[in-house]
N, C-alpha and C. Protein backbone atom coordinates (compact mmCIF):
# COMPACT_ATOMS: atom_id res chain seq x y z
N UNK A 1 57.06 69.59 -9.81
CA UNK A 1 55.64 69.08 -10.04
C UNK A 1 54.68 70.22 -9.90
N UNK A 2 53.77 70.42 -10.76
CA UNK A 2 52.73 71.41 -10.64
C UNK A 2 51.81 71.08 -9.44
N UNK A 3 51.49 72.15 -8.68
CA UNK A 3 50.56 71.99 -7.58
C UNK A 3 49.17 71.48 -8.02
N UNK A 4 48.64 70.50 -7.45
CA UNK A 4 47.31 70.04 -7.70
C UNK A 4 46.22 70.95 -7.05
N UNK A 5 45.05 70.81 -7.66
CA UNK A 5 43.90 71.62 -7.09
C UNK A 5 43.20 70.49 -6.20
N UNK A 6 42.32 71.01 -5.29
CA UNK A 6 41.73 70.10 -4.37
C UNK A 6 42.24 70.30 -3.00
N UNK A 7 41.70 69.48 -2.05
CA UNK A 7 42.17 69.62 -0.65
C UNK A 7 43.36 68.71 -0.46
N UNK A 8 44.19 69.13 0.60
CA UNK A 8 45.34 68.26 0.88
C UNK A 8 45.00 67.46 2.07
N UNK A 9 45.31 66.09 1.94
CA UNK A 9 44.93 65.08 2.95
C UNK A 9 46.34 64.70 3.54
N UNK A 10 46.36 64.99 4.94
CA UNK A 10 47.63 64.72 5.70
C UNK A 10 47.28 63.53 6.61
N UNK A 11 47.81 62.33 6.30
CA UNK A 11 47.55 61.22 6.97
C UNK A 11 48.78 60.71 7.76
N UNK A 12 48.70 60.52 9.01
CA UNK A 12 49.80 60.21 9.90
C UNK A 12 49.45 58.93 10.65
N UNK A 13 50.35 57.85 10.64
CA UNK A 13 50.07 56.71 11.41
C UNK A 13 51.24 56.49 12.41
N UNK A 14 50.86 56.46 13.64
CA UNK A 14 51.84 56.38 14.67
C UNK A 14 51.92 54.86 15.32
N UNK A 15 53.13 54.45 15.42
CA UNK A 15 53.32 53.18 16.03
C UNK A 15 54.04 53.49 17.40
N UNK A 16 53.44 53.29 18.56
CA UNK A 16 53.97 53.64 19.83
C UNK A 16 54.80 52.41 20.30
N UNK A 17 55.90 52.78 20.98
CA UNK A 17 56.82 51.65 21.43
C UNK A 17 56.21 50.85 22.58
N UNK A 18 55.37 51.53 23.45
CA UNK A 18 54.70 50.78 24.60
C UNK A 18 53.18 51.03 24.63
N UNK A 19 52.50 50.63 23.64
CA UNK A 19 51.12 50.95 23.57
C UNK A 19 50.28 50.25 24.69
N UNK A 20 49.34 50.98 25.19
CA UNK A 20 48.32 50.36 26.09
C UNK A 20 47.10 51.25 25.95
N UNK A 21 46.07 50.82 26.54
CA UNK A 21 44.81 51.60 26.33
C UNK A 21 44.99 53.02 27.01
N UNK A 22 45.66 53.08 28.13
CA UNK A 22 45.89 54.38 28.71
C UNK A 22 46.86 55.19 27.92
N UNK A 23 47.96 54.67 27.41
CA UNK A 23 48.89 55.45 26.55
C UNK A 23 48.23 55.87 25.28
N UNK A 24 47.55 55.01 24.70
CA UNK A 24 46.78 55.39 23.47
C UNK A 24 45.83 56.61 23.73
N UNK A 25 45.05 56.40 24.77
CA UNK A 25 44.19 57.56 25.17
C UNK A 25 44.83 58.89 25.37
N UNK A 26 45.96 58.91 26.13
CA UNK A 26 46.73 60.16 26.38
C UNK A 26 47.27 60.66 25.03
N UNK A 27 47.73 59.74 24.14
CA UNK A 27 48.34 60.22 22.88
C UNK A 27 47.23 60.87 22.08
N UNK A 28 46.08 60.17 22.01
CA UNK A 28 44.96 60.69 21.17
C UNK A 28 44.45 62.11 21.79
N UNK A 29 44.42 62.24 23.05
CA UNK A 29 44.10 63.51 23.64
C UNK A 29 45.06 64.65 23.29
N UNK A 30 46.36 64.25 23.26
CA UNK A 30 47.41 65.29 22.82
C UNK A 30 47.13 65.65 21.35
N UNK A 31 46.82 64.69 20.58
CA UNK A 31 46.49 65.03 19.13
C UNK A 31 45.32 65.90 19.08
N UNK A 32 44.29 65.70 19.81
CA UNK A 32 43.07 66.52 19.70
C UNK A 32 43.40 67.99 20.21
N UNK A 33 44.16 67.95 21.35
CA UNK A 33 44.53 69.24 21.98
C UNK A 33 45.35 70.20 21.00
N UNK A 34 46.35 69.61 20.42
CA UNK A 34 47.36 70.42 19.73
C UNK A 34 47.17 70.43 18.24
N UNK A 35 46.54 69.51 17.74
CA UNK A 35 46.52 69.27 16.29
C UNK A 35 45.20 69.65 15.55
N UNK A 36 44.15 69.71 16.36
CA UNK A 36 42.78 70.03 15.80
C UNK A 36 42.59 71.56 15.86
N UNK A 37 41.64 72.06 15.08
CA UNK A 37 41.27 73.42 15.16
C UNK A 37 42.16 74.48 14.57
N UNK A 38 43.02 74.04 13.67
CA UNK A 38 43.99 74.91 13.05
C UNK A 38 43.24 75.61 11.87
N UNK A 39 43.64 76.89 11.54
CA UNK A 39 43.01 77.54 10.42
C UNK A 39 43.27 76.70 9.08
N UNK A 40 42.19 76.71 8.30
CA UNK A 40 42.27 75.96 7.06
C UNK A 40 42.03 74.49 7.19
N UNK A 41 41.71 73.95 8.34
CA UNK A 41 41.40 72.45 8.47
C UNK A 41 39.93 72.33 8.11
N UNK A 42 39.66 71.34 7.22
CA UNK A 42 38.18 71.04 6.94
C UNK A 42 37.73 69.94 7.85
N UNK A 43 38.66 69.07 8.11
CA UNK A 43 38.19 67.85 8.92
C UNK A 43 39.47 67.38 9.74
N UNK A 44 39.17 66.87 10.91
CA UNK A 44 40.25 66.25 11.77
C UNK A 44 39.74 65.00 12.30
N UNK A 45 40.51 63.88 12.15
CA UNK A 45 40.13 62.60 12.67
C UNK A 45 41.31 61.98 13.31
N UNK A 46 41.10 61.27 14.52
CA UNK A 46 42.12 60.64 15.26
C UNK A 46 41.52 59.46 15.98
N UNK A 47 42.27 58.34 15.98
CA UNK A 47 41.75 57.19 16.77
C UNK A 47 42.59 56.03 16.64
N UNK A 48 42.35 54.96 17.55
CA UNK A 48 43.13 53.83 17.55
C UNK A 48 42.87 52.92 16.42
N UNK A 49 43.77 52.05 16.07
CA UNK A 49 43.50 51.03 14.97
C UNK A 49 42.51 50.04 15.49
N UNK A 50 41.67 49.63 14.61
CA UNK A 50 40.67 48.69 14.93
C UNK A 50 41.22 47.24 14.87
N UNK A 51 41.49 46.70 16.21
CA UNK A 51 42.26 45.52 16.26
C UNK A 51 41.50 44.28 15.75
N UNK A 52 40.16 44.44 15.55
CA UNK A 52 39.29 43.34 15.11
C UNK A 52 39.42 43.17 13.62
N UNK A 53 40.01 44.09 12.87
CA UNK A 53 40.10 44.00 11.45
C UNK A 53 41.54 43.55 11.20
N UNK A 54 41.72 42.43 10.66
CA UNK A 54 43.04 41.76 10.44
C UNK A 54 43.12 41.19 9.07
N UNK A 55 42.41 41.72 8.17
CA UNK A 55 42.52 41.21 6.73
C UNK A 55 43.95 41.26 6.25
N UNK A 56 44.29 40.32 5.30
CA UNK A 56 45.57 40.13 4.86
C UNK A 56 46.08 41.37 4.06
N UNK A 57 45.18 42.23 3.62
CA UNK A 57 45.53 43.48 2.88
C UNK A 57 45.66 44.69 3.84
N UNK A 58 45.27 44.49 5.06
CA UNK A 58 45.29 45.62 6.03
C UNK A 58 46.72 45.79 6.71
N UNK A 59 47.14 47.00 6.75
CA UNK A 59 48.42 47.33 7.36
C UNK A 59 48.06 47.38 8.83
N UNK A 60 48.76 46.51 9.66
CA UNK A 60 48.57 46.42 11.10
C UNK A 60 49.64 47.18 11.92
N UNK A 61 50.61 47.73 11.22
CA UNK A 61 51.73 48.29 11.88
C UNK A 61 51.58 49.74 12.31
N UNK A 62 50.50 49.97 13.04
CA UNK A 62 50.32 51.28 13.66
C UNK A 62 49.32 51.14 14.89
N UNK A 63 49.39 52.09 15.74
CA UNK A 63 48.44 52.07 16.92
C UNK A 63 47.42 53.13 16.81
N UNK A 64 47.85 54.30 16.37
CA UNK A 64 46.94 55.54 16.26
C UNK A 64 47.00 56.04 14.81
N UNK A 65 45.86 56.37 14.31
CA UNK A 65 45.74 57.04 13.00
C UNK A 65 45.25 58.41 13.18
N UNK A 66 45.81 59.36 12.37
CA UNK A 66 45.36 60.74 12.40
C UNK A 66 45.24 61.24 11.01
N UNK A 67 44.10 61.77 10.65
CA UNK A 67 43.95 62.29 9.29
C UNK A 67 43.41 63.66 9.38
N UNK A 68 44.04 64.62 8.74
CA UNK A 68 43.61 66.00 8.71
C UNK A 68 43.46 66.40 7.26
N UNK A 69 42.36 67.03 6.89
CA UNK A 69 42.17 67.50 5.57
C UNK A 69 42.13 69.05 5.65
N UNK A 70 43.05 69.58 4.79
CA UNK A 70 43.35 71.03 4.75
C UNK A 70 42.70 71.53 3.50
N UNK A 71 42.24 72.79 3.58
CA UNK A 71 41.70 73.44 2.35
C UNK A 71 42.72 73.74 1.25
N UNK A 72 44.03 73.90 1.68
CA UNK A 72 44.99 74.21 0.68
C UNK A 72 46.39 73.81 1.28
N UNK A 73 47.33 73.77 0.38
CA UNK A 73 48.77 73.49 0.66
C UNK A 73 49.28 74.52 1.63
N UNK A 74 48.87 75.83 1.35
CA UNK A 74 49.30 76.92 2.22
C UNK A 74 48.85 76.71 3.64
N UNK A 75 47.54 76.24 3.85
CA UNK A 75 47.08 75.96 5.23
C UNK A 75 47.85 74.85 5.89
N UNK A 76 48.19 73.88 5.12
CA UNK A 76 49.06 72.76 5.54
C UNK A 76 50.40 73.27 5.96
N UNK A 77 51.07 74.14 5.14
CA UNK A 77 52.29 74.68 5.48
C UNK A 77 52.31 75.52 6.71
N UNK A 78 51.29 76.30 6.88
CA UNK A 78 51.12 77.10 8.11
C UNK A 78 51.00 76.22 9.31
N UNK A 79 50.26 75.15 9.19
CA UNK A 79 50.03 74.22 10.26
C UNK A 79 51.39 73.59 10.74
N UNK A 80 52.20 73.24 9.78
CA UNK A 80 53.49 72.64 10.07
C UNK A 80 54.39 73.54 11.03
N UNK A 81 54.25 74.91 10.84
CA UNK A 81 55.08 75.87 11.60
C UNK A 81 54.35 76.35 12.81
N UNK A 82 53.08 76.06 12.97
CA UNK A 82 52.31 76.60 14.17
C UNK A 82 52.84 76.15 15.42
N UNK A 83 52.96 77.05 16.44
CA UNK A 83 53.40 76.65 17.78
C UNK A 83 52.73 75.52 18.42
N UNK A 84 51.36 75.35 18.16
CA UNK A 84 50.65 74.19 18.70
C UNK A 84 51.24 72.92 18.11
N UNK A 85 51.45 72.94 16.86
CA UNK A 85 52.04 71.62 16.22
C UNK A 85 53.45 71.40 16.86
N UNK A 86 54.20 72.42 17.03
CA UNK A 86 55.57 72.25 17.60
C UNK A 86 55.44 71.76 18.96
N UNK A 87 54.43 72.18 19.77
CA UNK A 87 54.28 71.80 21.12
C UNK A 87 53.83 70.35 21.19
N UNK A 88 53.04 69.87 20.31
CA UNK A 88 52.61 68.44 20.20
C UNK A 88 53.96 67.59 20.08
N UNK A 89 54.77 68.05 19.18
CA UNK A 89 55.96 67.20 18.89
C UNK A 89 56.82 67.07 20.11
N UNK A 90 56.91 68.21 20.88
CA UNK A 90 57.70 68.14 22.10
C UNK A 90 57.08 67.38 23.19
N UNK A 91 55.67 67.48 23.44
CA UNK A 91 55.03 66.77 24.51
C UNK A 91 54.80 65.27 24.15
N UNK A 92 54.74 64.86 22.96
CA UNK A 92 54.57 63.42 22.65
C UNK A 92 55.88 62.78 22.49
N UNK A 93 57.00 63.53 22.63
CA UNK A 93 58.28 62.91 22.65
C UNK A 93 58.56 61.85 23.71
N UNK A 94 57.68 62.01 24.75
CA UNK A 94 57.79 61.03 25.90
C UNK A 94 57.13 59.69 25.49
N UNK A 95 56.54 59.60 24.44
CA UNK A 95 55.91 58.40 23.93
C UNK A 95 56.80 57.98 22.65
N UNK A 96 57.91 57.32 22.89
CA UNK A 96 58.69 57.02 21.69
C UNK A 96 57.84 56.29 20.64
N UNK A 97 57.95 56.83 19.38
CA UNK A 97 57.10 56.27 18.40
C UNK A 97 57.75 56.40 17.01
N UNK A 98 57.14 55.61 16.10
CA UNK A 98 57.50 55.74 14.70
C UNK A 98 56.31 56.39 14.00
N UNK A 99 56.52 57.31 13.12
CA UNK A 99 55.41 57.88 12.43
C UNK A 99 55.58 57.89 11.02
N UNK A 100 54.52 57.48 10.29
CA UNK A 100 54.55 57.48 8.89
C UNK A 100 53.60 58.51 8.39
N UNK A 101 54.04 59.36 7.51
CA UNK A 101 53.20 60.38 7.03
C UNK A 101 52.92 60.33 5.49
N UNK A 102 51.69 60.44 5.21
CA UNK A 102 51.24 60.37 3.75
C UNK A 102 50.53 61.63 3.42
N UNK A 103 51.02 62.42 2.48
CA UNK A 103 50.36 63.65 2.09
C UNK A 103 49.86 63.46 0.62
N UNK A 104 48.58 63.82 0.34
CA UNK A 104 48.12 63.65 -0.99
C UNK A 104 46.91 64.73 -1.26
N UNK A 105 46.66 64.84 -2.48
CA UNK A 105 45.56 65.66 -2.88
C UNK A 105 44.31 64.83 -3.07
N UNK A 106 43.21 65.31 -2.64
CA UNK A 106 41.88 64.67 -3.02
C UNK A 106 41.17 65.63 -3.90
N UNK A 107 40.82 65.19 -5.01
CA UNK A 107 40.23 66.08 -6.04
C UNK A 107 38.75 65.56 -6.37
């Protein structure tokens, strides 16, 4: 497939095995510490699912949402290999979770 132009949107949705307000807070803080501020990031967002929104079209199968917008695919690829990203994976391994990742271009 030909590479698209535009920014790359990296959306990750985490379902924690034992979510609580305290666990969610620690997980979000780890996201901010290790996953924000990388070269090529235009925007970084992380936060808990809004539990008051329960529309029938809403996916409720996650606890934490994280969205990073990168300037390019190259920036995204560098982020994947960055030691901070690798440290995040190691440190959050204590929070058994399922993650769903959606990568797309925004044009």
